[in-house]
Protein backbone atom coordinates (compact mmCIF):
# COMPACT_ATOMS: atom_id res chain seq x y z
CA MET A 1 14.17 -44.73 0.97
CA ALA A 2 11.74 -42.43 2.80
CA VAL A 3 10.84 -38.99 1.46
CA ILE A 4 10.26 -35.97 3.71
CA SER A 5 8.18 -33.28 2.05
CA SER A 6 6.41 -30.12 3.11
CA HIS A 7 4.47 -27.18 1.73
CA VAL A 8 5.40 -24.04 3.67
CA LEU A 9 2.74 -21.31 3.59
CA ASP A 10 2.96 -17.67 4.70
CA SER A 11 -0.33 -16.75 6.41
CA VAL A 12 0.61 -13.05 6.56
CA LYS A 13 0.73 -12.59 2.80
CA GLY A 14 -1.46 -15.59 1.93
CA ILE A 15 1.17 -17.15 -0.35
CA SER A 16 3.67 -19.97 -0.43
CA ALA A 17 6.73 -19.19 1.68
CA ALA A 18 9.75 -19.37 -0.62
CA GLY A 19 13.28 -19.52 0.76
CA VAL A 20 12.52 -20.87 4.24
CA ARG A 21 15.52 -22.78 5.58
CA VAL A 22 14.56 -26.29 6.70
CA GLU A 23 16.72 -28.82 8.53
CA PHE A 24 16.00 -32.46 9.31
CA PHE A 25 17.68 -34.28 12.22
CA GLN A 26 17.79 -37.81 13.57
CA LEU A 27 17.76 -37.85 17.37
CA SER A 28 19.75 -40.42 19.31
CA GLY A 29 18.76 -41.96 22.65
CA ASP A 30 20.41 -39.11 24.54
CA ARG A 31 18.56 -36.64 22.24
CA SER A 32 21.72 -35.47 20.51
CA ALA A 33 20.96 -34.62 16.90
CA GLN A 34 22.56 -35.67 13.62
CA ARG A 35 21.57 -33.47 10.67
CA LEU A 36 20.38 -35.56 7.73
CA PHE A 37 19.68 -32.66 5.39
CA GLU A 38 19.38 -28.90 5.10
CA THR A 39 17.44 -27.25 2.30
CA HIS A 40 15.31 -24.20 1.47
CA SER A 41 11.71 -24.15 0.30
CA ASP A 42 11.46 -23.55 -3.44
CA SER A 43 9.54 -20.75 -5.19
CA GLU A 44 6.30 -22.65 -4.48
CA GLY A 45 7.16 -23.10 -0.79
CA ARG A 46 7.87 -26.81 -1.18
CA ILE A 47 10.60 -29.19 -0.09
CA SER A 48 11.03 -32.87 -0.95
CA GLU A 49 14.10 -34.76 0.25
CA PRO A 50 14.94 -38.47 0.24
CA VAL A 51 16.18 -39.86 3.56
CA ALA A 52 17.84 -43.21 4.17
CA ILE A 53 16.64 -44.62 7.49
CA GLU A 54 18.32 -48.02 7.48
CA ASP A 55 18.65 -50.13 10.62
CA ASN A 56 16.81 -47.62 12.83
CA PRO A 57 14.48 -48.86 15.55
CA ALA A 58 10.83 -47.93 15.06
CA ASP A 59 11.01 -45.63 18.11
CA THR A 60 13.77 -43.45 16.62
CA MET A 61 12.68 -39.81 16.64
CA TYR A 62 13.36 -37.12 14.04
CA GLU A 63 13.01 -33.35 14.02
CA LEU A 64 11.99 -31.19 11.10
CA VAL A 65 13.00 -27.58 11.83
CA PHE A 66 11.59 -24.60 9.92
CA HIS A 67 13.68 -21.48 10.55
CA THR A 68 10.98 -18.84 10.66
CA GLY A 69 13.22 -16.25 12.32
CA ASP A 70 15.31 -16.20 9.14
CA TYR A 71 12.21 -15.84 6.95
CA PHE A 72 10.00 -13.18 8.53
CA PRO A 73 12.56 -10.35 8.88
CA VAL A 74 12.80 -10.27 5.07
CA ALA A 75 9.11 -10.93 4.46
CA VAL A 76 6.78 -7.93 4.33
CA ILE A 77 4.87 -7.72 7.62
CA ALA A 78 3.12 -4.90 9.42
CA GLN A 79 5.47 -2.01 10.15
CA GLY A 80 6.55 -1.97 13.76
CA SER A 81 5.69 -5.63 14.22
CA HIS A 82 8.21 -8.09 15.54
CA HIS A 83 8.34 -11.86 15.44
CA ASN A 84 8.54 -14.19 18.40
CA MET A 85 8.79 -17.55 16.63
CA GLN A 86 12.44 -18.22 15.75
CA SER A 87 11.80 -21.77 14.60
CA VAL A 88 9.10 -24.37 14.31
CA VAL A 89 10.23 -27.81 15.43
CA VAL A 90 8.17 -30.84 14.46
CA ARG A 91 9.19 -34.11 16.12
CA ILE A 92 8.11 -37.22 14.20
CA SER A 93 8.81 -40.94 13.86
CA LEU A 94 9.32 -42.72 10.54
CA PRO A 95 7.98 -46.25 11.05
CA ASP A 96 8.08 -47.17 7.34
CA PRO A 97 11.54 -46.71 5.78
CA ASP A 98 10.02 -46.47 2.28
CA ALA A 99 7.08 -44.13 2.93
CA ARG A 100 6.50 -40.51 1.97
CA TYR A 101 5.99 -38.23 4.97
CA HIS A 102 4.31 -34.95 4.04
CA ILE A 103 4.20 -32.32 6.80
CA PRO A 104 2.65 -29.01 5.64
CA VAL A 105 3.07 -25.93 7.82
CA VAL A 106 1.36 -22.52 7.86
CA LEU A 107 3.58 -19.81 9.32
CA SER A 108 3.12 -16.36 10.81
CA PRO A 109 5.48 -14.28 12.93
CA HIS A 110 3.57 -15.26 16.09
CA SER A 111 2.12 -18.72 15.45
CA TYR A 112 2.07 -21.77 13.23
CA THR A 113 -0.14 -24.69 12.23
CA VAL A 114 1.27 -28.05 11.26
CA TRP A 115 -0.30 -31.35 10.29
CA TRP A 116 0.54 -34.69 8.75
CA SER A 117 -0.77 -35.41 5.28
CA GLY A 118 -0.38 -39.01 4.11
């Protein structure tokens, strides 16, 4: 079983982003999505979820969605500021059905940085 994990960081406050809603989808050939899990980052800004990816071709795509629009209105940001980023969508493949896929993300109301960490 594969494991999808992330460390979500808030670049505005310089801390881990707790309570960020995260969804993970498997995309079909017509790009319709089947949700495999929904969770929230813990008090340390982390998620870790097992995912069964049996009998999927190696070219199957997945989306990891971080709902930043839900997070930043309750986070303390500069007064009068608004956010443009409603969600961060990371599209990945999972070629090894037993691997751990760690995708950290640094969030702000106006931008994000994401990378893969093996």
